[in-house]
Amino acid sequence: MQLFDQIQDAKKLIQSRWAGSPKVGIILGTGLGGLAEEIQDAVKIPYQDIPHFPVSTVESHAGRLACGTLGGKPVMAMEGRFHFYEGYTLQQITFPVRVMKAMGCDVLIVSNACGGMNPQWNKGDIMLIEDHINLLGDNPLIGKNDDRLGVRFPDMCYPYDHELIRQAQQIALEEKIVVHKGVFVAVAGPNLETRAEYRFLRAIGADVVGMSTVPEVIVGLHSSMRILGLSIITDMCLPDALEPAHLPDIIATANATEKKLRVLVRRIVACV
């Protein structure tokens, strides 16, 4: 079955349970799933009920699609995403973005928990993704292109929408939330990086590092969506002061900062 037909299957199932027409798709990363509680009149569909959807294997991810209203706008939010290190292909990982576009979303908001490599920033800070580096060793667009889904060679000059970034900065200023702008680098994982690797990643221009986000952004761009990326720095990855990272601590930091993220996302959605 072709990708286009698989997308229609998934769309049909979602429409059978929810009558909304979403404008914004939201992907909630590690420790950030609580944002879905902000969605009003939510219909929650387990991933396993949706044809061709992968199933999240990460403990902290609920594995549901929440459809409802946020900031007065109809939205679809993924409570947990999929990762390359789980064994999925990048085409499988990005399938939900295809479905969001088919449902009517023209804006994609992507969030993640990440490691901070910029020494001027701190654990718990939020970074607006201005650009990214793909070190996954793969690309979700490899293979035959379906012109119904997007062009063969999508331009990546401005992968993250400048106007959405500007709006997020203005909202953060009004809400007294500290945000930075910077570069996100995606690596395959699941192991964390060595000190030498952190030095390399910093040297090539990255401010934060994570194991997600870039595939979804590439497919979002391929689908002509406007994209905003938000990273919560959950641990500091400074080579000369590196300490072992612990998942419970990472999740705790993401949970603590999520309150600020909720305010940002809710207000950004209301603006689009």
Protein backbone atom coordinates (compact mmCIF):
# COMPACT_ATOMS: atom_id res chain seq x y z
CA MET A 1 0.00 0.00 0.00
CA GLN A 2 1.32 3.44 -0.95
CA LEU A 3 2.06 6.04 1.72
CA PHE A 4 -0.71 8.28 0.40
CA ASP A 5 -3.29 5.51 0.88
CA GLN A 6 -1.99 4.71 4.37
CA ILE A 7 -2.44 8.38 5.29
CA GLN A 8 -6.05 8.26 4.09
CA ASP A 9 -6.71 5.14 6.20
CA ALA A 10 -5.43 6.86 9.35
CA LYS A 11 -7.34 10.05 8.53
CA LYS A 12 -10.57 8.08 8.12
CA LEU A 13 -10.21 6.46 11.56
CA ILE A 14 -9.52 9.78 13.29
CA GLN A 15 -12.47 11.45 11.54
CA SER A 16 -14.72 8.61 12.69
CA ARG A 17 -13.97 9.56 16.31
CA TRP A 18 -13.51 13.32 16.09
CA ALA A 19 -15.38 15.78 13.88
CA GLY A 20 -12.89 18.66 14.18
CA SER A 21 -10.76 20.28 11.47
CA PRO A 22 -7.39 20.98 13.09
CA LYS A 23 -5.23 23.94 12.18
CA VAL A 24 -2.26 23.13 14.41
CA GLY A 25 -0.41 19.86 15.00
CA ILE A 26 1.63 19.52 18.20
CA ILE A 27 4.29 16.91 19.04
CA LEU A 28 4.98 16.53 22.77
CA GLY A 29 8.35 15.07 23.73
CA THR A 30 9.83 13.48 26.87
CA GLY A 31 8.21 14.79 30.06
CA LEU A 32 6.02 17.23 28.13
CA GLY A 33 2.88 15.15 27.65
CA GLY A 34 1.05 17.03 30.39
CA LEU A 35 0.45 19.87 27.94
CA ALA A 36 -2.32 17.70 26.50
CA GLU A 37 -4.30 18.42 29.70
CA GLU A 38 -4.76 21.96 28.38
CA ILE A 39 -6.72 20.66 25.37
CA GLN A 40 -10.45 21.18 25.87
CA ASP A 41 -13.11 18.63 24.87
CA ALA A 42 -10.29 16.26 24.01
CA VAL A 43 -10.88 13.01 22.18
CA LYS A 44 -7.92 10.75 22.95
CA ILE A 45 -7.14 7.99 20.48
CA PRO A 46 -4.51 5.36 21.37
CA TYR A 47 -1.87 5.04 18.68
CA GLN A 48 -2.55 1.33 18.32
CA ASP A 49 -6.11 2.14 17.16
CA ILE A 50 -4.89 4.25 14.24
CA PRO A 51 -4.01 2.32 11.06
CA HIS A 52 -0.28 2.33 10.19
CA PHE A 53 0.69 4.34 13.31
CA PRO A 54 3.77 3.09 15.18
CA VAL A 55 3.43 2.48 18.93
CA SER A 56 5.64 4.43 21.35
CA THR A 57 7.97 2.24 23.42
CA VAL A 58 9.30 5.05 25.62
CA GLU A 59 8.04 4.79 29.22
CA SER A 60 7.34 8.49 29.70
CA HIS A 61 5.24 8.74 26.52
CA ALA A 62 1.48 8.13 26.88
CA GLY A 63 1.06 6.99 23.27
CA ARG A 64 -2.18 8.81 22.43
CA LEU A 65 -3.40 11.35 19.90
CA ALA A 66 -5.34 14.13 21.66
CA CYS A 67 -7.79 15.99 19.42
CA GLY A 68 -9.67 19.04 20.70
CA THR A 69 -9.39 22.79 21.25
CA LEU A 70 -6.43 24.80 22.57
CA GLY A 71 -6.28 28.58 22.67
CA GLY A 72 -9.59 28.66 20.83
CA LYS A 73 -8.21 26.68 17.88
CA PRO A 74 -8.78 23.04 16.88
CA VAL A 75 -5.58 21.04 17.36
CA MET A 76 -4.12 17.54 17.21
CA ALA A 77 -1.44 16.72 19.78
CA MET A 78 0.77 13.67 20.00
CA GLU A 79 1.25 12.57 23.62
CA GLY A 80 4.63 11.02 22.94
CA ARG A 81 6.56 10.60 19.71
CA PHE A 82 8.61 7.89 18.02
CA HIS A 83 12.40 7.71 17.76
CA PHE A 84 14.96 6.25 15.38
CA TYR A 85 16.55 4.33 18.28
CA GLU A 86 13.28 2.45 18.86
CA GLY A 87 13.90 0.64 15.59
CA TYR A 88 11.43 2.56 13.44
CA THR A 89 12.27 3.96 10.03
CA LEU A 90 12.20 7.72 9.62
CA GLN A 91 9.19 7.25 7.33
CA GLN A 92 7.33 5.53 10.18
CA ILE A 93 8.44 8.15 12.70
CA THR A 94 7.09 10.98 10.55
CA PHE A 95 3.84 9.28 9.49
CA PRO A 96 1.79 11.22 12.11
CA VAL A 97 2.98 14.52 10.59
CA ARG A 98 1.65 13.36 7.22
CA VAL A 99 -1.68 12.57 8.87
CA MET A 100 -1.79 15.96 10.62
CA LYS A 101 -1.32 17.67 7.27
CA ALA A 102 -4.02 15.52 5.65
CA MET A 103 -6.39 16.46 8.49
CA GLY A 104 -5.86 20.16 7.74
CA CYS A 105 -2.95 21.29 9.94
CA ASP A 106 -0.84 24.01 8.34
CA VAL A 107 1.21 24.75 11.49
CA LEU A 108 3.40 22.22 13.31
CA ILE A 109 4.71 22.85 16.83
CA VAL A 110 7.43 20.42 17.88
CA SER A 111 8.80 20.14 21.41
CA ASN A 112 11.59 18.06 22.91
CA ALA A 113 13.82 17.53 25.89
CA CYS A 114 17.48 18.04 25.02
CA GLY A 115 21.02 18.33 26.35
CA GLY A 116 22.46 21.83 26.57
CA MET A 117 25.94 22.52 25.17
CA ASN A 118 25.91 26.32 25.22
CA PRO A 119 27.78 27.24 28.42
CA GLN A 120 25.84 30.51 28.75
CA TRP A 121 22.55 28.67 29.24
CA ASN A 122 21.17 26.63 32.14
CA LYS A 123 19.25 23.47 32.87
CA GLY A 124 15.52 24.21 32.69
CA ASP A 125 15.90 26.94 30.03
CA ILE A 126 13.79 26.93 26.87
CA MET A 127 15.34 27.30 23.42
CA LEU A 128 13.47 28.30 20.27
CA ILE A 129 14.97 26.26 17.46
CA GLU A 130 16.27 28.59 14.77
CA ASP A 131 18.08 25.96 12.71
CA HIS A 132 19.15 22.33 12.94
CA ILE A 133 21.80 19.80 11.96
CA ASN A 134 20.80 16.29 10.91
CA LEU A 135 23.34 13.70 12.12
CA LEU A 136 20.89 10.78 12.16
CA GLY A 137 22.54 9.28 9.11
CA ASP A 138 19.18 9.03 7.33
CA ASN A 139 16.42 11.18 5.86
CA PRO A 140 12.65 10.55 5.82
CA LEU A 141 12.38 11.75 2.21
CA ILE A 142 14.69 9.08 0.77
CA GLY A 143 12.86 6.97 -1.79
CA LYS A 144 10.34 7.70 -4.53
CA ASN A 145 8.67 11.09 -4.10
CA ASP A 146 4.88 11.39 -4.19
CA ASP A 147 4.12 14.81 -5.66
CA ARG A 148 0.74 14.78 -3.89
CA LEU A 149 2.62 15.05 -0.58
CA GLY A 150 5.35 17.54 -1.49
CA VAL A 151 8.10 18.51 -3.91
CA ARG A 152 11.12 16.30 -4.61
CA PHE A 153 13.71 18.79 -3.30
CA PRO A 154 12.20 20.90 -0.48
CA ASP A 155 14.18 24.01 0.40
CA MET A 156 15.61 24.14 3.93
CA CYS A 157 16.83 27.74 3.93
CA TYR A 158 14.39 28.65 6.71
CA PRO A 159 13.05 25.42 8.23
CA TYR A 160 11.65 27.22 11.30
CA ASP A 161 9.11 29.96 10.64
CA HIS A 162 10.51 33.40 11.44
CA GLU A 163 7.13 34.90 12.27
CA LEU A 164 6.28 32.09 14.71
CA ILE A 165 9.68 32.56 16.38
CA ARG A 166 9.04 36.31 16.65
CA GLN A 167 5.60 35.70 18.17
CA ALA A 168 7.05 33.20 20.64
CA GLN A 169 9.73 35.70 21.69
CA GLN A 170 7.11 38.43 22.22
CA ILE A 171 4.89 36.10 24.27
CA ALA A 172 7.88 34.99 26.35
CA LEU A 173 8.76 38.64 27.02
CA GLU A 174 5.19 39.40 28.14
CA GLU A 175 5.08 36.29 30.35
CA LYS A 176 8.59 36.90 31.77
CA ILE A 177 9.81 33.55 30.47
CA VAL A 178 13.49 33.32 29.52
CA VAL A 179 13.95 31.87 26.03
CA HIS A 180 17.00 31.54 23.80
CA LYS A 181 17.37 31.03 20.06
CA GLY A 182 19.78 28.42 18.79
CA VAL A 183 20.71 25.35 16.77
CA PHE A 184 19.45 21.83 17.53
CA VAL A 185 21.48 18.80 16.42
CA ALA A 186 19.80 15.40 16.07
CA VAL A 187 21.74 12.20 16.78
CA ALA A 188 20.52 8.62 16.62
CA GLY A 189 21.03 7.57 20.26
CA PRO A 190 20.00 5.85 22.43
CA ASN A 191 23.31 6.29 24.27
CA LEU A 192 24.26 9.76 25.37
CA GLU A 193 27.35 11.35 23.88
CA THR A 194 30.97 11.13 24.95
CA ARG A 195 32.88 14.22 26.00
CA ALA A 196 34.70 14.19 22.65
CA GLU A 197 31.38 14.01 20.81
CA TYR A 198 29.98 16.97 22.76
CA ARG A 199 33.08 18.97 21.81
CA PHE A 200 32.55 18.01 18.16
CA LEU A 201 28.85 18.91 18.18
CA ARG A 202 29.55 22.26 19.78
CA ALA A 203 32.36 22.94 17.31
CA ILE A 204 30.06 22.42 14.31
CA GLY A 205 27.61 25.02 15.63
CA ALA A 206 25.05 23.21 17.80
CA ASP A 207 23.68 24.68 21.02
CA VAL A 208 21.62 21.66 22.11
CA VAL A 209 21.50 17.95 21.22
CA GLY A 210 18.62 15.48 21.08
CA MET A 211 17.38 12.26 19.48
CA SER A 212 14.25 13.51 17.71
CA THR A 213 12.52 16.48 16.06
CA VAL A 214 14.57 16.84 12.85
CA PRO A 215 12.75 14.05 10.90
CA GLU A 216 9.34 15.53 11.76
CA VAL A 217 10.52 19.00 10.76
CA ILE A 218 11.84 17.76 7.41
CA VAL A 219 8.50 16.12 6.62
CA GLY A 220 6.62 19.16 7.91
CA LEU A 221 8.60 21.32 5.49
CA HIS A 222 7.97 18.80 2.70
CA SER A 223 4.27 19.16 3.52
CA SER A 224 4.42 23.00 3.35
CA MET A 225 3.71 23.47 7.06
CA ARG A 226 4.89 26.43 9.12
CA ILE A 227 7.03 25.09 11.95
CA LEU A 228 7.96 26.18 15.46
CA GLY A 229 10.45 24.13 17.48
CA LEU A 230 10.79 24.34 21.28
CA SER A 231 13.53 22.60 23.28
CA ILE A 232 13.69 22.25 27.06
CA ILE A 233 17.28 21.89 28.27
CA THR A 234 17.03 19.03 30.77
CA ASP A 235 20.74 18.44 31.43
CA MET A 236 24.00 20.25 30.77
CA CYS A 237 26.49 18.60 28.44
CA LEU A 238 29.67 20.56 29.05
CA PRO A 239 32.67 18.29 28.36
CA ASP A 240 34.93 19.69 31.06
CA ALA A 241 32.24 19.49 33.76
CA LEU A 242 30.31 16.46 32.56
CA GLU A 243 28.38 14.33 35.04
CA PRO A 244 26.38 11.16 34.39
CA ALA A 245 22.79 11.89 33.33
CA HIS A 246 19.85 10.14 34.99
CA LEU A 247 16.50 9.74 33.20
CA PRO A 248 14.37 10.52 36.30
CA ASP A 249 16.23 13.82 36.71
CA ILE A 250 15.75 14.64 33.02
CA ILE A 251 12.01 13.96 33.23
CA ALA A 252 11.73 15.96 36.47
CA THR A 253 13.39 18.98 34.83
CA ALA A 254 11.11 18.69 31.78
CA ASN A 255 8.05 18.46 34.04
CA ALA A 256 9.11 21.52 36.05
CA THR A 257 9.66 23.64 32.92
CA GLU A 258 6.54 22.36 31.20
CA LYS A 259 4.38 24.95 32.99
CA LYS A 260 6.19 27.68 31.04
CA LEU A 261 5.92 25.67 27.83
CA ARG A 262 2.16 25.33 28.32
CA VAL A 263 1.78 29.11 28.46
CA LEU A 264 3.92 29.62 25.34
CA VAL A 265 2.21 26.96 23.25
CA ARG A 266 -1.32 27.93 24.27
CA ARG A 267 -0.74 31.58 23.39
CA ILE A 268 1.12 30.78 20.16
CA VAL A 269 -1.75 28.55 19.02
CA ALA A 270 -4.19 31.36 19.76
CA CYS A 271 -2.16 33.65 17.44
CA VAL A 272 -2.02 31.43 14.36
